[in-house]
Amino acid sequence: MVLWTAAGVVTLGFLVALEIVARGYGFSGPITEQSREVIFAPESGPLLYGGLALTMVVLTWRQRLIALGIAAGVDIAFFLVRWALDADMNFGNGALWVVLGVAVLGVTRRTGRERLLLLKGTGLGLLLVAGHKTGDTWLLITSKTRATVLDAYVAAADHALADPSWLVGRFLNATAPVSTGILHVVYGQLPLAAALVGLYQLRRVAVERRFPAHHLVRTFLMIGLLGPAIYMVFPVVGPIFAYGADGGAWATANIWPDVLPPVTDPQPIPFDGITPRNCMPSLHTAWAVTLFVHSRDGSRAMRWAGTFWLVGTLTATLGFGYHYGADLLAGVVFALTIETAMRCSAHGWDRACVRLVALGTAVFAALLASYRWLPTEMAARPWLYGPLLLLVTGTVIYAYVRTARSARTARDRAPKAEVPGQRPASGDSTEPAEAAEAAEAAEAAEAVGTAGAAPTGTDDSQDPGATGAKPELV
């Protein structure tokens, strides 16, 4: 409880600080944007219903149906009022009302663990929406505070990786519109795919009345909160803006993806005050890697879907000109480092966790430093620096796989405390539970037979040693 309270205070302080900074630059921050959606038309209705879905993991199926009915009813009422007033039309207010209502219900009608569970569910749903709005605010701040971008440095360093954005961009142009249509859906619906995996991981919360120690949503939100801070240190807009048509008059040349940029002494590029500097690292890559990692514990269909979304997202980020290859390597290292830190904070820190987080942090810092200070050397010697970049990234991947596998094996071997009368939480305990039920049924049948053979007039209900007594589950 103390840890959750401290986390809530820190999160609130961060949001307030971001609100103050945003106000200083003349636009509203995440708190104002989320508060106004209680009454005014929301920016994203699906996002609010995604937050409601996360909140409803703490509710029973009956309560979920009631919550969805209330949310739909509120949205219909808002729709009719806005239609009558000719106001902006959108949906999602009902979902936000229900999420807040769950918090009110927890505070006023529940106590103890039930109250804490409902408040956790509310916090999870609100954090999904707040994380999205926090990211939007961060992007606005990067465009207002970073007058120049470092695309020339990253483009030069990308020569060591054979300029994958230009290569994949030409491939998508040759295979459009089929390839681009599919990849636009994959790229745009990454949050939906992550929400489905997260809901799968949280599917037993309503039964067990507790959250799992670690799940996808925790890492997803942390990446969204910390990633934009790196944008402030290393502002990059992407090849489609710095070297393509989308950059307009601010682009150095309209050459992407047909002509490779020349290898010259890179310099910061002045850019407009609108385009977000959101390339280094690639957070879409980081989120896709996290989705892939967490889908490994699901069904075969989920594992295939996680792989498809990872490959599709990497292809889209390069082929649409949103990122350089160097961004993707940084995004992979960033994701695995954050995932390790979140997993170890939930299951306990050990020497392997500390080493892996230290390794990931060092490699991530080294990647950014090399992109900034060694781009010309990297472009001049791609035979050396290209494999080296892949090697250090692969080292982090290998260390993560080895550490995660060892931690999972240790958790599987650890003795699990059993609660009398409670169903096992994991799917691995299904067979023992079924065996216990079969044994109980056999004993009950034997007891019935014994009772039938007992002398007439004997009152088995008064016999403390009667075999017809139902055995107690242990």
Protein backbone atom coordinates (compact mmCIF):
# COMPACT_ATOMS: atom_id res chain seq x y z
CA MET A 1 0.00 0.00 0.00
CA VAL A 2 2.86 2.38 0.82
CA LEU A 3 4.52 1.61 -2.52
CA TRP A 4 1.32 2.31 -4.47
CA THR A 5 0.79 5.55 -2.57
CA ALA A 6 4.35 6.67 -3.28
CA ALA A 7 3.98 5.79 -6.96
CA GLY A 8 0.73 7.76 -7.14
CA VAL A 9 2.32 10.82 -5.53
CA VAL A 10 5.30 10.70 -7.90
CA THR A 11 3.05 10.29 -10.94
CA LEU A 12 0.82 13.17 -9.85
CA GLY A 13 3.86 15.38 -9.26
CA PHE A 14 5.21 14.54 -12.70
CA LEU A 15 1.88 15.37 -14.37
CA VAL A 16 1.62 18.66 -12.48
CA ALA A 17 5.17 19.62 -13.48
CA LEU A 18 4.43 18.77 -17.11
CA GLU A 19 1.22 20.81 -16.94
CA ILE A 20 3.15 23.83 -15.66
CA VAL A 21 5.79 23.52 -18.39
CA ALA A 22 3.12 23.16 -21.09
CA ARG A 23 1.31 26.23 -19.80
CA GLY A 24 4.55 28.14 -20.05
CA TYR A 25 4.69 27.40 -23.77
CA GLY A 26 1.11 28.44 -24.34
CA PHE A 27 -0.79 25.15 -24.55
CA SER A 28 -2.62 22.93 -22.10
CA GLY A 29 -1.03 19.92 -20.43
CA PRO A 30 -2.19 16.35 -19.77
CA ILE A 31 -4.25 17.15 -16.66
CA THR A 32 -6.29 19.83 -18.40
CA GLU A 33 -6.75 17.71 -21.53
CA GLN A 34 -8.00 14.72 -19.58
CA SER A 35 -10.21 16.79 -17.26
CA ARG A 36 -12.03 18.50 -20.11
CA GLU A 37 -13.06 15.13 -21.55
CA VAL A 38 -15.43 14.61 -18.63
CA ILE A 39 -17.80 17.03 -20.41
CA PHE A 40 -16.40 18.05 -23.79
CA ALA A 41 -15.89 15.85 -26.86
CA PRO A 42 -12.87 13.57 -26.33
CA GLU A 43 -10.00 13.37 -28.78
CA SER A 44 -10.02 9.57 -28.86
CA GLY A 45 -13.07 7.54 -27.93
CA PRO A 46 -11.38 4.14 -28.49
CA LEU A 47 -8.59 5.17 -26.11
CA LEU A 48 -11.08 5.94 -23.34
CA TYR A 49 -12.87 2.64 -23.87
CA GLY A 50 -9.47 0.95 -23.79
CA GLY A 51 -8.95 2.51 -20.36
CA LEU A 52 -12.39 1.27 -19.33
CA ALA A 53 -11.49 -2.25 -20.49
CA LEU A 54 -8.39 -2.21 -18.27
CA THR A 55 -10.45 -0.95 -15.33
CA MET A 56 -13.06 -3.66 -15.82
CA VAL A 57 -10.54 -6.45 -15.23
CA VAL A 58 -11.28 -5.99 -11.50
CA LEU A 59 -15.04 -6.39 -12.01
CA THR A 60 -17.18 -9.51 -12.29
CA TRP A 61 -18.90 -10.31 -15.57
CA ARG A 62 -22.21 -8.97 -14.28
CA GLN A 63 -20.55 -5.74 -13.16
CA ARG A 64 -18.81 -5.44 -16.53
CA LEU A 65 -22.11 -5.66 -18.40
CA ILE A 66 -23.60 -3.01 -16.13
CA ALA A 67 -20.54 -0.78 -16.60
CA LEU A 68 -20.68 -1.08 -20.40
CA GLY A 69 -24.41 -0.34 -20.35
CA ILE A 70 -23.91 2.80 -18.27
CA ALA A 71 -21.03 3.96 -20.50
CA ALA A 72 -23.09 3.45 -23.64
CA GLY A 73 -26.08 5.22 -22.11
CA VAL A 74 -24.01 8.24 -21.11
CA ASP A 75 -22.45 8.43 -24.57
CA ILE A 76 -25.86 8.28 -26.23
CA ALA A 77 -27.07 11.11 -24.01
CA PHE A 78 -24.00 13.21 -24.88
CA PHE A 79 -24.49 12.43 -28.56
CA LEU A 80 -28.07 13.68 -28.53
CA VAL A 81 -27.15 16.88 -26.69
CA ARG A 82 -24.23 17.63 -29.02
CA TRP A 83 -26.35 16.88 -32.05
CA ALA A 84 -29.01 19.29 -30.82
CA LEU A 85 -26.40 22.00 -30.11
CA ASP A 86 -24.45 21.31 -33.31
CA ALA A 87 -21.29 20.80 -31.24
CA ASP A 88 -18.24 18.65 -31.93
CA MET A 89 -19.20 15.00 -32.13
CA ASN A 90 -17.26 12.15 -30.58
CA PHE A 91 -17.77 9.40 -28.01
CA GLY A 92 -15.92 8.20 -24.91
CA ASN A 93 -17.29 10.43 -22.14
CA GLY A 94 -19.34 7.53 -20.83
CA ALA A 95 -16.25 5.35 -20.52
CA LEU A 96 -14.44 8.04 -18.52
CA TRP A 97 -17.49 8.51 -16.29
CA VAL A 98 -17.61 4.80 -15.49
CA VAL A 99 -13.86 4.66 -14.76
CA LEU A 100 -14.24 7.53 -12.30
CA GLY A 101 -17.38 5.89 -10.91
CA VAL A 102 -15.42 2.74 -10.09
CA ALA A 103 -13.04 4.89 -8.03
CA VAL A 104 -15.96 6.51 -6.20
CA LEU A 105 -17.46 3.08 -5.56
CA GLY A 106 -14.16 1.83 -4.16
CA VAL A 107 -13.76 4.78 -1.80
CA THR A 108 -17.35 4.96 -0.54
CA ARG A 109 -18.65 1.37 -0.63
CA ARG A 110 -15.60 -0.88 -0.25
CA THR A 111 -12.93 -1.40 2.39
CA GLY A 112 -9.60 -3.15 2.72
CA ARG A 113 -8.30 -5.18 -0.20
CA GLU A 114 -11.45 -4.70 -2.27
CA ARG A 115 -11.08 -0.93 -2.09
CA LEU A 116 -7.42 -1.15 -3.07
CA LEU A 117 -8.24 -3.46 -5.97
CA LEU A 118 -10.87 -1.09 -7.41
CA LEU A 119 -8.53 1.88 -7.03
CA LYS A 120 -5.76 -0.03 -8.79
CA GLY A 121 -8.12 -0.79 -11.65
CA THR A 122 -9.13 2.85 -11.89
CA GLY A 123 -5.52 3.97 -11.80
CA LEU A 124 -4.59 1.54 -14.56
CA GLY A 125 -7.36 2.79 -16.82
CA LEU A 126 -6.59 6.45 -16.18
CA LEU A 127 -2.86 5.88 -16.68
CA LEU A 128 -3.49 4.52 -20.16
CA VAL A 129 -5.24 7.75 -21.14
CA ALA A 130 -2.85 9.98 -19.18
CA GLY A 131 0.15 8.24 -20.73
CA HIS A 132 -1.14 9.00 -24.22
CA LYS A 133 -1.78 12.64 -23.37
CA THR A 134 1.55 12.92 -21.58
CA GLY A 135 3.26 11.70 -24.74
CA ASP A 136 1.40 14.29 -26.83
CA THR A 137 2.49 17.03 -24.44
CA TRP A 138 6.09 15.83 -24.55
CA LEU A 139 6.05 15.94 -28.36
CA LEU A 140 4.74 19.50 -28.36
CA ILE A 141 7.46 20.50 -25.91
CA THR A 142 10.17 18.95 -28.10
CA SER A 143 8.97 20.89 -31.14
CA LYS A 144 8.90 24.15 -29.18
CA THR A 145 12.20 23.81 -27.35
CA ARG A 146 14.45 22.13 -29.93
CA ALA A 147 14.93 24.52 -32.83
CA THR A 148 17.44 22.24 -34.58
CA VAL A 149 17.44 18.49 -35.22
CA LEU A 150 20.25 15.95 -35.51
CA ASP A 151 19.00 14.02 -38.54
CA ALA A 152 22.22 14.60 -40.49
CA TYR A 153 24.18 12.77 -37.78
CA VAL A 154 21.84 9.77 -37.67
CA ALA A 155 21.61 9.60 -41.48
CA ALA A 156 25.42 9.47 -41.69
CA ALA A 157 25.62 6.79 -39.01
CA ASP A 158 22.90 4.86 -40.84
CA HIS A 159 25.30 4.32 -43.76
CA ALA A 160 26.98 1.72 -41.55
CA LEU A 161 23.68 -0.22 -41.58
CA ALA A 162 23.24 0.11 -45.38
CA ASP A 163 20.56 2.84 -45.08
CA PRO A 164 17.63 0.50 -44.32
CA SER A 165 15.00 3.25 -44.38
CA TRP A 166 15.82 4.08 -48.00
CA LEU A 167 15.92 0.39 -48.94
CA VAL A 168 12.60 -0.55 -47.30
CA GLY A 169 11.01 2.69 -48.53
CA ARG A 170 11.76 1.76 -52.14
CA PHE A 171 10.43 -1.75 -51.51
CA LEU A 172 7.11 -0.42 -50.19
CA ASN A 173 6.80 1.99 -53.10
CA ALA A 174 7.25 -0.94 -55.48
CA THR A 175 4.68 -3.12 -53.70
CA ALA A 176 2.07 -0.43 -52.91
CA PRO A 177 -0.85 -0.27 -52.26
CA VAL A 178 -1.12 -3.79 -50.82
CA SER A 179 1.96 -3.61 -48.59
CA THR A 180 1.35 -0.04 -47.47
CA GLY A 181 -2.31 -0.72 -46.70
CA ILE A 182 -1.47 -3.67 -44.46
CA LEU A 183 1.41 -1.93 -42.72
CA HIS A 184 -0.61 1.22 -42.04
CA VAL A 185 -3.08 -0.92 -40.10
CA VAL A 186 -0.30 -2.73 -38.23
CA TYR A 187 1.48 0.51 -37.36
CA GLY A 188 -1.67 2.37 -36.32
CA GLN A 189 -3.23 -0.46 -34.32
CA LEU A 190 -0.19 -1.34 -32.22
CA PRO A 191 -1.90 0.03 -29.06
CA LEU A 192 -4.93 -2.18 -29.77
CA ALA A 193 -2.73 -5.26 -30.11
CA ALA A 194 -0.97 -4.39 -26.86
CA ALA A 195 -4.31 -3.89 -25.11
CA LEU A 196 -5.46 -7.35 -26.18
CA VAL A 197 -2.29 -8.97 -24.85
CA GLY A 198 -2.58 -6.95 -21.65
CA LEU A 199 -6.19 -7.99 -21.15
CA TYR A 200 -5.20 -11.60 -21.70
CA GLN A 201 -2.57 -11.32 -18.97
CA LEU A 202 -5.06 -9.66 -16.61
CA ARG A 203 -7.96 -12.03 -17.35
CA ARG A 204 -7.87 -13.69 -13.91
CA VAL A 205 -7.75 -10.53 -11.80
CA ALA A 206 -11.49 -10.62 -11.12
CA VAL A 207 -11.23 -14.25 -9.92
CA GLU A 208 -8.01 -14.03 -7.91
CA ARG A 209 -8.79 -10.48 -6.65
CA ARG A 210 -5.21 -9.37 -7.22
CA PHE A 211 -3.05 -8.16 -10.09
CA PRO A 212 -0.15 -10.22 -11.38
CA ALA A 213 3.22 -8.97 -10.20
CA HIS A 214 4.24 -7.95 -13.73
CA HIS A 215 2.34 -7.50 -16.98
CA LEU A 216 2.61 -5.78 -20.35
CA VAL A 217 0.77 -2.59 -19.40
CA ARG A 218 3.39 -1.65 -16.78
CA THR A 219 6.26 -1.70 -19.28
CA PHE A 220 4.16 -0.14 -22.03
CA LEU A 221 3.31 2.85 -19.87
CA MET A 222 6.86 3.26 -18.56
CA ILE A 223 8.27 3.31 -22.08
CA GLY A 224 5.74 6.00 -23.02
CA LEU A 225 6.64 8.09 -19.98
CA LEU A 226 10.44 7.86 -20.20
CA GLY A 227 10.98 7.67 -23.96
CA PRO A 228 10.00 11.27 -24.81
CA ALA A 229 12.59 12.54 -22.35
CA ILE A 230 15.27 11.12 -24.68
CA TYR A 231 13.75 13.17 -27.50
CA MET A 232 14.82 16.26 -25.61
CA VAL A 233 18.43 15.04 -25.54
CA PHE A 234 18.57 13.73 -29.11
CA PRO A 235 15.96 15.52 -31.29
CA VAL A 236 15.39 13.80 -34.65
CA VAL A 237 12.38 14.14 -36.99
CA GLY A 238 12.96 11.23 -39.38
CA PRO A 239 13.95 10.81 -43.05
CA ILE A 240 10.48 11.53 -44.47
CA PHE A 241 10.69 15.01 -42.91
CA ALA A 242 14.41 15.83 -43.06
CA TYR A 243 14.97 14.36 -46.54
CA GLY A 244 11.46 13.87 -47.94
CA ALA A 245 8.36 15.62 -49.14
CA ASP A 246 6.72 15.87 -45.71
CA GLY A 247 9.42 18.26 -44.51
CA GLY A 248 8.32 20.95 -46.96
CA ALA A 249 10.57 23.99 -47.07
CA TRP A 250 12.46 22.79 -43.97
CA ALA A 251 13.73 19.58 -45.59
CA THR A 252 17.36 19.62 -46.69
CA ALA A 253 16.34 17.97 -49.98
CA ASN A 254 13.47 15.93 -51.37
CA ILE A 255 15.44 12.74 -51.99
CA TRP A 256 13.90 10.07 -49.75
CA PRO A 257 13.71 7.17 -50.63
CA ASP A 258 15.14 7.39 -54.15
CA VAL A 259 18.55 8.97 -53.54
CA LEU A 260 20.86 8.39 -50.58
CA PRO A 261 21.92 11.49 -48.65
CA PRO A 262 25.54 12.50 -49.22
CA VAL A 263 28.15 11.69 -46.60
CA THR A 264 29.43 15.06 -45.49
CA ASP A 265 30.37 16.69 -42.22
CA PRO A 266 26.97 16.62 -40.45
CA GLN A 267 25.55 19.73 -38.84
CA PRO A 268 22.34 20.43 -36.87
CA ILE A 269 19.42 21.22 -39.18
CA PRO A 270 17.05 24.09 -38.34
CA PHE A 271 13.47 22.86 -38.37
CA ASP A 272 9.92 24.13 -37.81
CA GLY A 273 8.23 24.47 -34.44
CA ILE A 274 5.48 21.98 -35.21
CA THR A 275 7.00 18.64 -36.21
CA PRO A 276 7.71 16.42 -33.17
CA ARG A 277 11.30 15.35 -32.59
CA ASN A 278 10.23 11.79 -31.84
CA CYS A 279 12.65 9.44 -33.56
CA MET A 280 15.49 8.62 -31.17
CA PRO A 281 14.76 6.04 -29.89
CA SER A 282 11.93 4.49 -31.88
CA LEU A 283 9.20 3.98 -29.30
CA HIS A 284 7.06 2.06 -31.78
CA THR A 285 9.94 -0.40 -32.00
CA ALA A 286 10.24 -0.47 -28.21
CA TRP A 287 6.50 -1.13 -27.80
CA ALA A 288 6.52 -3.81 -30.51
CA VAL A 289 9.47 -5.56 -28.83
CA THR A 290 7.64 -5.45 -25.49
CA LEU A 291 4.50 -6.85 -27.13
CA PHE A 292 6.58 -9.64 -28.69
CA VAL A 293 8.22 -10.51 -25.36
CA HIS A 294 4.94 -10.70 -23.43
CA SER A 295 3.14 -12.64 -26.15
CA ARG A 296 5.62 -15.51 -25.63
CA ASP A 297 3.62 -16.66 -22.61
CA GLY A 298 0.33 -16.82 -24.51
CA SER A 299 -1.23 -19.30 -26.91
CA ARG A 300 0.30 -20.27 -30.22
CA ALA A 301 -1.97 -17.80 -32.04
CA MET A 302 -0.88 -15.02 -29.71
CA ARG A 303 2.79 -15.86 -30.22
CA TRP A 304 2.36 -15.74 -33.98
CA ALA A 305 0.45 -12.46 -33.70
CA GLY A 306 3.21 -10.96 -31.55
CA THR A 307 5.81 -11.97 -34.13
CA PHE A 308 3.71 -10.57 -36.98
CA TRP A 309 3.23 -7.25 -35.19
CA LEU A 310 6.94 -6.95 -34.43
CA VAL A 311 8.01 -7.61 -38.03
CA GLY A 312 5.22 -5.42 -39.41
CA THR A 313 6.03 -2.53 -37.09
CA LEU A 314 9.75 -2.61 -37.89
CA THR A 315 8.97 -2.68 -41.60
CA ALA A 316 6.48 0.18 -41.31
CA THR A 317 8.74 2.44 -39.25
CA LEU A 318 11.49 2.13 -41.87
CA GLY A 319 9.39 1.94 -45.02
CA PHE A 320 7.22 4.96 -44.21
CA GLY A 321 10.29 7.07 -43.49
CA TYR A 322 9.43 7.63 -39.85
CA HIS A 323 12.73 6.25 -38.53
CA TYR A 324 16.31 5.42 -39.40
CA GLY A 325 17.80 1.99 -38.78
CA ALA A 326 19.86 3.44 -35.94
CA ASP A 327 16.63 4.46 -34.19
CA LEU A 328 15.40 0.87 -34.23
CA LEU A 329 18.54 -0.52 -32.62
CA ALA A 330 18.26 2.07 -29.85
CA GLY A 331 14.58 1.21 -29.44
CA VAL A 332 15.31 -2.50 -28.99
CA VAL A 333 17.93 -1.85 -26.31
CA PHE A 334 15.70 0.72 -24.61
CA ALA A 335 12.74 -1.69 -24.50
CA LEU A 336 14.66 -4.65 -23.08
CA THR A 337 16.32 -2.47 -20.45
CA ILE A 338 12.99 -1.02 -19.28
CA GLU A 339 11.33 -4.45 -19.39
CA THR A 340 14.10 -5.93 -17.24
CA ALA A 341 13.88 -3.13 -14.70
CA MET A 342 10.08 -3.45 -14.44
CA ARG A 343 10.19 -7.24 -14.17
CA CYS A 344 12.89 -7.18 -11.50
CA SER A 345 11.09 -4.50 -9.52
CA ALA A 346 8.10 -6.86 -9.38
CA HIS A 347 9.84 -10.18 -8.73
CA GLY A 348 12.89 -8.99 -6.84
CA TRP A 349 16.32 -7.73 -7.82
CA ASP A 350 19.30 -10.05 -8.08
CA ARG A 351 22.80 -9.81 -9.50
CA ALA A 352 21.70 -10.89 -13.00
CA CYS A 353 19.04 -8.15 -13.12
CA VAL A 354 21.47 -5.46 -12.03
CA ARG A 355 24.04 -6.58 -14.60
CA LEU A 356 21.49 -6.61 -17.42
CA VAL A 357 20.08 -3.18 -16.59
CA ALA A 358 23.60 -1.79 -16.34
CA LEU A 359 24.53 -3.41 -19.66
CA GLY A 360 21.44 -2.09 -21.41
CA THR A 361 21.96 1.42 -20.04
CA ALA A 362 25.62 1.43 -21.08
CA VAL A 363 24.88 0.13 -24.59
CA PHE A 364 22.03 2.61 -25.06
CA ALA A 365 24.25 5.52 -24.00
CA ALA A 366 27.06 4.25 -26.24
CA LEU A 367 24.72 4.05 -29.23
CA LEU A 368 23.54 7.63 -28.79
CA ALA A 369 27.10 8.87 -28.23
CA SER A 370 28.39 7.11 -31.34
CA TYR A 371 25.54 8.50 -33.46
CA ARG A 372 26.34 11.99 -32.25
CA TRP A 373 30.14 12.02 -32.20
CA LEU A 374 31.25 9.29 -34.66
CA PRO A 375 28.82 9.42 -37.59
CA THR A 376 31.42 10.27 -40.23
CA GLU A 377 33.76 7.49 -39.10
CA MET A 378 30.84 5.03 -39.06
CA ALA A 379 29.86 5.98 -42.60
CA ALA A 380 33.47 5.66 -43.82
CA ARG A 381 33.91 2.17 -42.32
CA PRO A 382 30.56 0.37 -42.60
CA TRP A 383 32.30 -3.01 -42.71
CA LEU A 384 33.47 -2.37 -39.13
CA TYR A 385 30.77 -0.29 -37.46
CA GLY A 386 27.75 -2.02 -39.01
CA PRO A 387 28.52 -5.45 -37.55
CA LEU A 388 29.64 -3.78 -34.32
CA LEU A 389 26.28 -2.05 -33.90
CA LEU A 390 24.45 -5.31 -34.53
CA LEU A 391 26.81 -7.15 -32.17
CA VAL A 392 26.25 -4.88 -29.17
CA THR A 393 22.50 -4.91 -29.76
CA GLY A 394 22.56 -8.69 -30.06
CA THR A 395 24.53 -8.89 -26.82
CA VAL A 396 21.72 -7.14 -24.96
CA ILE A 397 19.13 -9.41 -26.60
CA TYR A 398 21.08 -12.55 -25.68
CA ALA A 399 21.61 -11.36 -22.10
CA TYR A 400 17.91 -10.59 -21.75
CA VAL A 401 16.80 -13.98 -23.07
CA ARG A 402 19.23 -15.79 -20.79
CA THR A 403 18.29 -13.76 -17.71
CA ALA A 404 14.54 -14.01 -18.34
CA ARG A 405 14.76 -17.76 -18.93
CA SER A 406 16.72 -18.29 -15.70
CA ALA A 407 14.29 -16.15 -13.71
CA ARG A 408 11.29 -18.04 -15.13
CA THR A 409 12.88 -21.39 -14.26
CA ALA A 410 13.59 -20.22 -10.70
CA ARG A 411 9.99 -19.05 -10.26
CA ASP A 412 8.62 -22.33 -11.60
CA ARG A 413 10.73 -24.32 -9.17
CA ALA A 414 9.84 -22.16 -6.17
CA PRO A 415 7.22 -23.71 -3.84
CA LYS A 416 3.82 -22.11 -4.23
CA ALA A 417 1.70 -21.42 -1.16
CA GLU A 418 -1.77 -22.98 -1.36
CA VAL A 419 -4.84 -21.27 -0.01
CA PRO A 420 -7.54 -23.59 1.41
CA GLY A 421 -10.64 -23.62 -0.75
CA GLN A 422 -9.12 -21.44 -3.49
CA ARG A 423 -8.66 -22.56 -7.08
CA PRO A 424 -5.09 -22.62 -8.36
CA ALA A 425 -4.11 -19.38 -10.04
CA SER A 426 -2.00 -20.85 -12.83
CA GLY A 427 -3.01 -23.07 -15.69
CA ASP A 428 -0.30 -25.58 -14.70
CA SER A 429 -2.35 -26.56 -11.65
CA THR A 430 -5.35 -27.72 -13.63
CA GLU A 431 -4.50 -31.41 -13.51
CA PRO A 432 -3.97 -31.54 -9.72
CA ALA A 433 -7.26 -29.69 -9.23
CA GLU A 434 -9.11 -32.15 -11.47
CA ALA A 435 -7.50 -35.08 -9.65
CA ALA A 436 -8.63 -33.67 -6.30
CA GLU A 437 -12.19 -33.25 -7.60
CA ALA A 438 -12.19 -36.83 -8.91
CA ALA A 439 -10.96 -38.15 -5.57
CA GLU A 440 -13.63 -36.13 -3.76
CA ALA A 441 -16.34 -37.56 -6.04
CA ALA A 442 -15.07 -41.10 -5.47
CA GLU A 443 -15.13 -40.64 -1.71
CA ALA A 444 -18.65 -39.22 -1.88
CA ALA A 445 -19.82 -42.19 -3.96
CA GLU A 446 -18.24 -44.62 -1.52
CA ALA A 447 -19.92 -42.77 1.35
CA VAL A 448 -23.31 -43.12 -0.33
CA GLY A 449 -22.77 -46.83 -0.76
CA THR A 450 -21.73 -47.22 2.85
CA ALA A 451 -24.77 -45.30 4.00
CA GLY A 452 -27.03 -47.54 1.94
CA ALA A 453 -25.56 -50.65 3.59
CA ALA A 454 -25.87 -49.25 7.12
CA PRO A 455 -28.44 -50.79 9.54
CA THR A 456 -31.87 -49.20 9.45
CA GLY A 457 -32.51 -46.56 12.11
CA THR A 458 -28.91 -45.36 12.31
CA ASP A 459 -28.68 -41.56 12.13
CA ASP A 460 -25.49 -40.89 10.13
CA SER A 461 -25.89 -37.14 10.53
CA GLN A 462 -25.30 -37.45 14.25
CA ASP A 463 -22.25 -39.72 13.92
CA PRO A 464 -19.12 -37.63 14.08
CA GLY A 465 -17.26 -40.37 12.21
CA ALA A 466 -19.82 -40.74 9.43
CA THR A 467 -18.24 -41.36 6.04
CA GLY A 468 -20.92 -39.29 4.33
CA ALA A 469 -19.39 -36.06 5.65
CA LYS A 470 -17.99 -33.91 2.83
CA PRO A 471 -14.19 -33.86 2.99
CA GLU A 472 -12.63 -30.46 3.53
CA LEU A 473 -10.55 -29.03 0.68
CA VAL A 474 -6.97 -28.36 1.75
